[in-house]
Amino acid sequence: MGSSGGTGAVTAAETWPEYVRRISGGATQAQIAERIGVGRLSVCNWLHGKTRPKAETVISVARAYRRSPVEALIAASYLSSDEAEHPVEIRVSLAEVDSRDLGAEVLRRLTPVG
């Protein structure tokens, strides 16, 4: 899942510091910090490879620069490219299901097939 011809996608070999530098377009550490709402020292530590932000912060960075959170999580090594390619199934809480839909599903499951 590498970058091809200027798509801007994260490459498998791109590190978190490289990713931050690329998406920030040459912004200073202070500018990056202000934009994402963290301290400049945190950004400095990321860019020098001393620390890695929490996953929640990685997502905030991506959103601040209008990038995919999945792309950022790959760059920060929270996800691999292979993991990102698998579909995600989102389950709805039963509290959010309409009573008619819930009843219809119960009947469907109780009705013998064949």
N, C-alpha and C. Protein backbone atom coordinates (compact mmCIF):
# COMPACT_ATOMS: atom_id res chain seq x y z
N MET A 1 0.84 -1.17 0.00
CA MET A 1 0.00 0.00 0.00
C MET A 1 0.88 1.24 0.00
N GLY A 2 1.74 1.37 -0.93
CA GLY A 2 2.68 2.47 -0.96
C GLY A 2 2.16 3.65 -1.72
N SER A 3 2.95 4.70 -1.70
CA SER A 3 2.60 5.92 -2.41
C SER A 3 2.93 5.75 -3.87
N SER A 4 2.03 6.24 -4.73
CA SER A 4 2.30 6.14 -6.16
C SER A 4 1.92 7.43 -6.84
N GLY A 5 2.88 7.99 -7.53
CA GLY A 5 2.61 9.15 -8.36
C GLY A 5 1.91 10.31 -7.69
N GLY A 6 2.28 10.66 -6.47
CA GLY A 6 1.75 11.88 -5.86
C GLY A 6 0.40 11.74 -5.21
N THR A 7 -0.03 10.54 -4.87
CA THR A 7 -1.32 10.39 -4.20
C THR A 7 -1.28 10.91 -2.78
N GLY A 8 -0.07 11.01 -2.23
CA GLY A 8 0.06 11.51 -0.88
C GLY A 8 -0.16 10.45 0.17
N ALA A 9 -0.37 9.21 -0.21
CA ALA A 9 -0.59 8.14 0.76
C ALA A 9 0.71 7.81 1.45
N VAL A 10 0.61 7.38 2.70
CA VAL A 10 1.78 7.00 3.45
C VAL A 10 2.40 5.75 2.84
N THR A 11 3.72 5.70 2.79
CA THR A 11 4.39 4.52 2.27
C THR A 11 4.73 3.61 3.44
N ALA A 12 4.93 2.35 3.15
CA ALA A 12 5.22 1.39 4.21
C ALA A 12 6.49 1.76 4.96
N ALA A 13 7.44 2.40 4.30
CA ALA A 13 8.71 2.72 4.92
C ALA A 13 8.73 4.10 5.59
N GLU A 14 7.66 4.86 5.47
CA GLU A 14 7.64 6.21 6.04
C GLU A 14 7.50 6.14 7.56
N THR A 15 8.35 6.84 8.24
CA THR A 15 8.29 6.88 9.71
C THR A 15 7.33 7.97 10.16
N TRP A 16 6.99 7.95 11.45
CA TRP A 16 6.12 8.98 12.01
C TRP A 16 6.73 10.37 11.83
N PRO A 17 8.02 10.58 12.14
CA PRO A 17 8.59 11.91 11.92
C PRO A 17 8.52 12.35 10.45
N GLU A 18 8.80 11.44 9.54
CA GLU A 18 8.73 11.77 8.10
C GLU A 18 7.30 12.13 7.70
N TYR A 19 6.35 11.38 8.22
CA TYR A 19 4.94 11.63 7.93
C TYR A 19 4.53 13.03 8.41
N VAL A 20 4.89 13.37 9.65
CA VAL A 20 4.52 14.67 10.20
C VAL A 20 5.15 15.79 9.38
N ARG A 21 6.41 15.62 9.03
CA ARG A 21 7.08 16.65 8.21
C ARG A 21 6.38 16.81 6.86
N ARG A 22 6.01 15.69 6.25
CA ARG A 22 5.38 15.73 4.93
C ARG A 22 4.01 16.40 4.98
N ILE A 23 3.16 15.99 5.90
CA ILE A 23 1.80 16.53 5.90
C ILE A 23 1.74 17.97 6.38
N SER A 24 2.74 18.38 7.20
CA SER A 24 2.74 19.75 7.71
C SER A 24 3.34 20.73 6.72
N GLY A 25 3.91 20.24 5.64
CA GLY A 25 4.41 21.11 4.58
C GLY A 25 5.50 22.07 5.01
N GLY A 26 6.39 21.63 5.88
CA GLY A 26 7.50 22.49 6.28
C GLY A 26 7.18 23.45 7.41
N ALA A 27 6.06 23.25 8.09
CA ALA A 27 5.71 24.11 9.22
C ALA A 27 6.73 23.93 10.34
N THR A 28 6.88 24.95 11.16
CA THR A 28 7.78 24.85 12.31
C THR A 28 7.15 23.96 13.38
N GLN A 29 7.99 23.52 14.32
CA GLN A 29 7.48 22.72 15.43
C GLN A 29 6.39 23.47 16.19
N ALA A 30 6.59 24.75 16.40
CA ALA A 30 5.60 25.56 17.12
C ALA A 30 4.29 25.65 16.34
N GLN A 31 4.38 25.79 15.02
CA GLN A 31 3.17 25.87 14.19
C GLN A 31 2.41 24.54 14.22
N ILE A 32 3.14 23.44 14.12
CA ILE A 32 2.51 22.12 14.17
C ILE A 32 1.83 21.93 15.53
N ALA A 33 2.54 22.25 16.59
CA ALA A 33 2.02 22.09 17.95
C ALA A 33 0.74 22.90 18.14
N GLU A 34 0.76 24.14 17.69
CA GLU A 34 -0.42 25.00 17.84
C GLU A 34 -1.60 24.45 17.05
N ARG A 35 -1.33 23.98 15.85
CA ARG A 35 -2.41 23.48 15.00
C ARG A 35 -3.10 22.25 15.59
N ILE A 36 -2.33 21.39 16.25
CA ILE A 36 -2.94 20.16 16.78
C ILE A 36 -3.22 20.22 18.28
N GLY A 37 -2.81 21.31 18.92
CA GLY A 37 -3.15 21.50 20.32
C GLY A 37 -2.28 20.71 21.29
N VAL A 38 -0.99 20.59 20.99
CA VAL A 38 -0.05 19.94 21.91
C VAL A 38 1.13 20.88 22.14
N GLY A 39 1.98 20.52 23.06
CA GLY A 39 3.16 21.33 23.34
C GLY A 39 4.22 21.18 22.26
N ARG A 40 5.01 22.23 22.06
CA ARG A 40 6.07 22.20 21.05
C ARG A 40 7.09 21.12 21.36
N LEU A 41 7.37 20.88 22.65
CA LEU A 41 8.33 19.85 23.03
C LEU A 41 7.87 18.47 22.57
N SER A 42 6.57 18.21 22.62
CA SER A 42 6.04 16.93 22.13
C SER A 42 6.35 16.76 20.65
N VAL A 43 6.09 17.80 19.88
CA VAL A 43 6.36 17.75 18.44
C VAL A 43 7.86 17.57 18.20
N CYS A 44 8.67 18.28 18.95
CA CYS A 44 10.13 18.16 18.83
C CYS A 44 10.56 16.71 19.08
N ASN A 45 10.03 16.11 20.12
CA ASN A 45 10.37 14.72 20.44
C ASN A 45 9.93 13.76 19.35
N TRP A 46 8.75 14.00 18.75
CA TRP A 46 8.29 13.14 17.65
C TRP A 46 9.23 13.26 16.47
N LEU A 47 9.55 14.50 16.11
CA LEU A 47 10.36 14.73 14.91
C LEU A 47 11.79 14.21 15.06
N HIS A 48 12.25 14.07 16.30
CA HIS A 48 13.59 13.52 16.53
C HIS A 48 13.53 12.03 16.88
N GLY A 49 12.34 11.44 16.79
CA GLY A 49 12.19 10.01 17.04
C GLY A 49 12.36 9.60 18.49
N LYS A 50 12.25 10.54 19.41
CA LYS A 50 12.43 10.23 20.83
C LYS A 50 11.17 9.62 21.44
N THR A 51 10.02 10.09 20.98
CA THR A 51 8.75 9.58 21.49
C THR A 51 7.79 9.39 20.33
N ARG A 52 6.73 8.66 20.63
CA ARG A 52 5.64 8.47 19.67
C ARG A 52 4.36 8.87 20.38
N PRO A 53 3.49 9.62 19.70
CA PRO A 53 2.27 10.06 20.38
C PRO A 53 1.30 8.91 20.61
N LYS A 54 0.36 9.13 21.53
CA LYS A 54 -0.72 8.18 21.74
C LYS A 54 -1.55 8.08 20.46
N ALA A 55 -2.25 6.97 20.30
CA ALA A 55 -3.07 6.77 19.10
C ALA A 55 -4.09 7.89 18.93
N GLU A 56 -4.67 8.36 20.03
CA GLU A 56 -5.66 9.43 19.96
C GLU A 56 -5.05 10.71 19.39
N THR A 57 -3.80 10.97 19.77
CA THR A 57 -3.10 12.16 19.27
C THR A 57 -2.77 12.00 17.80
N VAL A 58 -2.39 10.80 17.41
CA VAL A 58 -2.10 10.52 15.99
C VAL A 58 -3.33 10.84 15.15
N ILE A 59 -4.48 10.44 15.62
CA ILE A 59 -5.74 10.71 14.90
C ILE A 59 -6.00 12.22 14.85
N SER A 60 -5.74 12.92 15.95
CA SER A 60 -5.91 14.37 15.98
C SER A 60 -5.00 15.07 14.98
N VAL A 61 -3.76 14.58 14.88
CA VAL A 61 -2.82 15.14 13.90
C VAL A 61 -3.38 14.97 12.50
N ALA A 62 -3.83 13.77 12.18
CA ALA A 62 -4.38 13.51 10.85
C ALA A 62 -5.56 14.43 10.55
N ARG A 63 -6.46 14.56 11.48
CA ARG A 63 -7.63 15.41 11.27
C ARG A 63 -7.27 16.88 11.13
N ALA A 64 -6.27 17.33 11.90
CA ALA A 64 -5.85 18.72 11.82
C ALA A 64 -5.31 19.06 10.44
N TYR A 65 -4.73 18.06 9.78
CA TYR A 65 -4.15 18.28 8.45
C TYR A 65 -5.02 17.66 7.34
N ARG A 66 -6.26 17.34 7.70
CA ARG A 66 -7.24 16.82 6.74
C ARG A 66 -6.71 15.59 6.01
N ARG A 67 -6.15 14.66 6.80
CA ARG A 67 -5.61 13.41 6.29
C ARG A 67 -6.42 12.26 6.89
N SER A 68 -6.26 11.09 6.33
CA SER A 68 -6.93 9.90 6.84
C SER A 68 -6.32 9.48 8.18
N PRO A 69 -7.15 9.28 9.21
CA PRO A 69 -6.62 8.76 10.47
C PRO A 69 -5.94 7.40 10.30
N VAL A 70 -6.45 6.58 9.40
CA VAL A 70 -5.84 5.27 9.16
C VAL A 70 -4.42 5.44 8.63
N GLU A 71 -4.25 6.36 7.70
CA GLU A 71 -2.93 6.66 7.16
C GLU A 71 -1.96 7.06 8.28
N ALA A 72 -2.41 7.90 9.19
CA ALA A 72 -1.57 8.36 10.29
C ALA A 72 -1.25 7.21 11.24
N LEU A 73 -2.23 6.36 11.52
CA LEU A 73 -2.00 5.22 12.41
C LEU A 73 -0.99 4.24 11.82
N ILE A 74 -0.95 4.14 10.50
CA ILE A 74 0.06 3.30 9.84
C ILE A 74 1.43 3.95 10.00
N ALA A 75 1.52 5.24 9.75
CA ALA A 75 2.81 5.94 9.87
C ALA A 75 3.36 5.86 11.29
N ALA A 76 2.48 5.89 12.27
CA ALA A 76 2.90 5.84 13.67
C ALA A 76 3.07 4.41 14.18
N SER A 77 2.90 3.44 13.29
CA SER A 77 3.08 2.02 13.61
C SER A 77 2.05 1.45 14.58
N TYR A 78 0.88 2.06 14.62
CA TYR A 78 -0.22 1.48 15.39
C TYR A 78 -0.97 0.44 14.56
N LEU A 79 -0.93 0.58 13.25
CA LEU A 79 -1.53 -0.36 12.30
C LEU A 79 -0.52 -0.67 11.22
N SER A 80 -0.63 -1.86 10.65
CA SER A 80 0.18 -2.18 9.47
C SER A 80 -0.68 -1.93 8.23
N SER A 81 -0.04 -1.80 7.10
CA SER A 81 -0.78 -1.61 5.85
C SER A 81 -1.73 -2.78 5.61
N ASP A 82 -1.28 -3.98 5.94
CA ASP A 82 -2.13 -5.17 5.75
C ASP A 82 -3.39 -5.09 6.60
N GLU A 83 -3.25 -4.66 7.84
CA GLU A 83 -4.41 -4.55 8.72
C GLU A 83 -5.41 -3.52 8.19
N ALA A 84 -4.90 -2.47 7.61
CA ALA A 84 -5.76 -1.39 7.11
C ALA A 84 -6.56 -1.80 5.89
N GLU A 85 -6.13 -2.85 5.20
CA GLU A 85 -6.82 -3.28 3.99
C GLU A 85 -8.03 -4.16 4.27
N HIS A 86 -8.16 -4.68 5.49
CA HIS A 86 -9.29 -5.54 5.82
C HIS A 86 -10.53 -4.71 6.13
N PRO A 87 -11.68 -5.15 5.64
CA PRO A 87 -12.92 -4.40 5.93
C PRO A 87 -13.22 -4.42 7.43
N VAL A 88 -13.85 -3.37 7.89
CA VAL A 88 -14.21 -3.25 9.29
C VAL A 88 -15.72 -3.41 9.42
N GLU A 89 -16.14 -4.27 10.32
CA GLU A 89 -17.56 -4.46 10.57
C GLU A 89 -17.94 -3.65 11.80
N ILE A 90 -18.90 -2.77 11.62
CA ILE A 90 -19.34 -1.93 12.74
C ILE A 90 -20.69 -2.45 13.20
N ARG A 91 -20.77 -2.80 14.46
CA ARG A 91 -22.02 -3.31 15.02
C ARG A 91 -22.73 -2.19 15.77
N VAL A 92 -24.02 -2.13 15.58
CA VAL A 92 -24.85 -1.13 16.23
C VAL A 92 -25.31 -1.67 17.57
N SER A 93 -25.36 -0.82 18.56
CA SER A 93 -25.88 -1.21 19.86
C SER A 93 -27.36 -1.51 19.73
N LEU A 94 -27.85 -2.53 20.44
CA LEU A 94 -29.28 -2.86 20.38
C LEU A 94 -30.14 -1.70 20.84
N ALA A 95 -29.63 -0.85 21.68
CA ALA A 95 -30.38 0.31 22.14
C ALA A 95 -30.68 1.28 21.00
N GLU A 96 -29.88 1.21 19.93
CA GLU A 96 -30.05 2.11 18.80
C GLU A 96 -30.93 1.52 17.70
N VAL A 97 -31.35 0.28 17.84
CA VAL A 97 -32.15 -0.38 16.81
C VAL A 97 -33.62 -0.08 17.03
N ASP A 98 -34.31 0.27 15.97
CA ASP A 98 -35.75 0.52 16.00
C ASP A 98 -36.48 -0.75 16.43
N SER A 99 -37.51 -0.63 17.26
CA SER A 99 -38.25 -1.79 17.78
C SER A 99 -38.80 -2.68 16.66
N ARG A 100 -39.30 -2.07 15.58
CA ARG A 100 -39.82 -2.87 14.46
C ARG A 100 -38.72 -3.68 13.80
N ASP A 101 -37.55 -3.04 13.62
CA ASP A 101 -36.43 -3.76 13.01
C ASP A 101 -35.94 -4.89 13.92
N LEU A 102 -35.92 -4.63 15.22
CA LEU A 102 -35.50 -5.65 16.17
C LEU A 102 -36.48 -6.82 16.16
N GLY A 103 -37.76 -6.52 16.15
CA GLY A 103 -38.78 -7.58 16.09
C GLY A 103 -38.67 -8.40 14.82
N ALA A 104 -38.47 -7.72 13.69
CA ALA A 104 -38.34 -8.42 12.42
C ALA A 104 -37.12 -9.33 12.41
N GLU A 105 -36.04 -8.89 13.02
CA GLU A 105 -34.82 -9.71 13.09
C GLU A 105 -35.03 -10.93 13.97
N VAL A 106 -35.72 -10.75 15.10
CA VAL A 106 -36.02 -11.89 15.98
C VAL A 106 -36.87 -12.91 15.22
N LEU A 107 -37.91 -12.46 14.53
CA LEU A 107 -38.75 -13.37 13.75
C LEU A 107 -37.95 -14.08 12.66
N ARG A 108 -37.07 -13.36 12.00
CA ARG A 108 -36.25 -13.97 10.95
C ARG A 108 -35.39 -15.09 11.53
N ARG A 109 -34.85 -14.86 12.70
CA ARG A 109 -33.97 -15.87 13.30
C ARG A 109 -34.75 -17.06 13.86
N LEU A 110 -36.01 -16.85 14.24
CA LEU A 110 -36.82 -17.94 14.80
C LEU A 110 -37.55 -18.74 13.73
N THR A 111 -37.65 -18.20 12.54
CA THR A 111 -38.35 -18.88 11.46
C THR A 111 -37.45 -19.95 10.85
N PRO A 112 -37.93 -21.21 10.85
CA PRO A 112 -37.12 -22.30 10.28
C PRO A 112 -36.88 -22.08 8.78
N VAL A 113 -35.70 -22.43 8.35
CA VAL A 113 -35.35 -22.32 6.93
C VAL A 113 -35.64 -23.65 6.26
N GLY A 114 -36.26 -23.58 5.08
CA GLY A 114 -36.45 -24.78 4.28
C GLY A 114 -37.71 -25.44 4.52
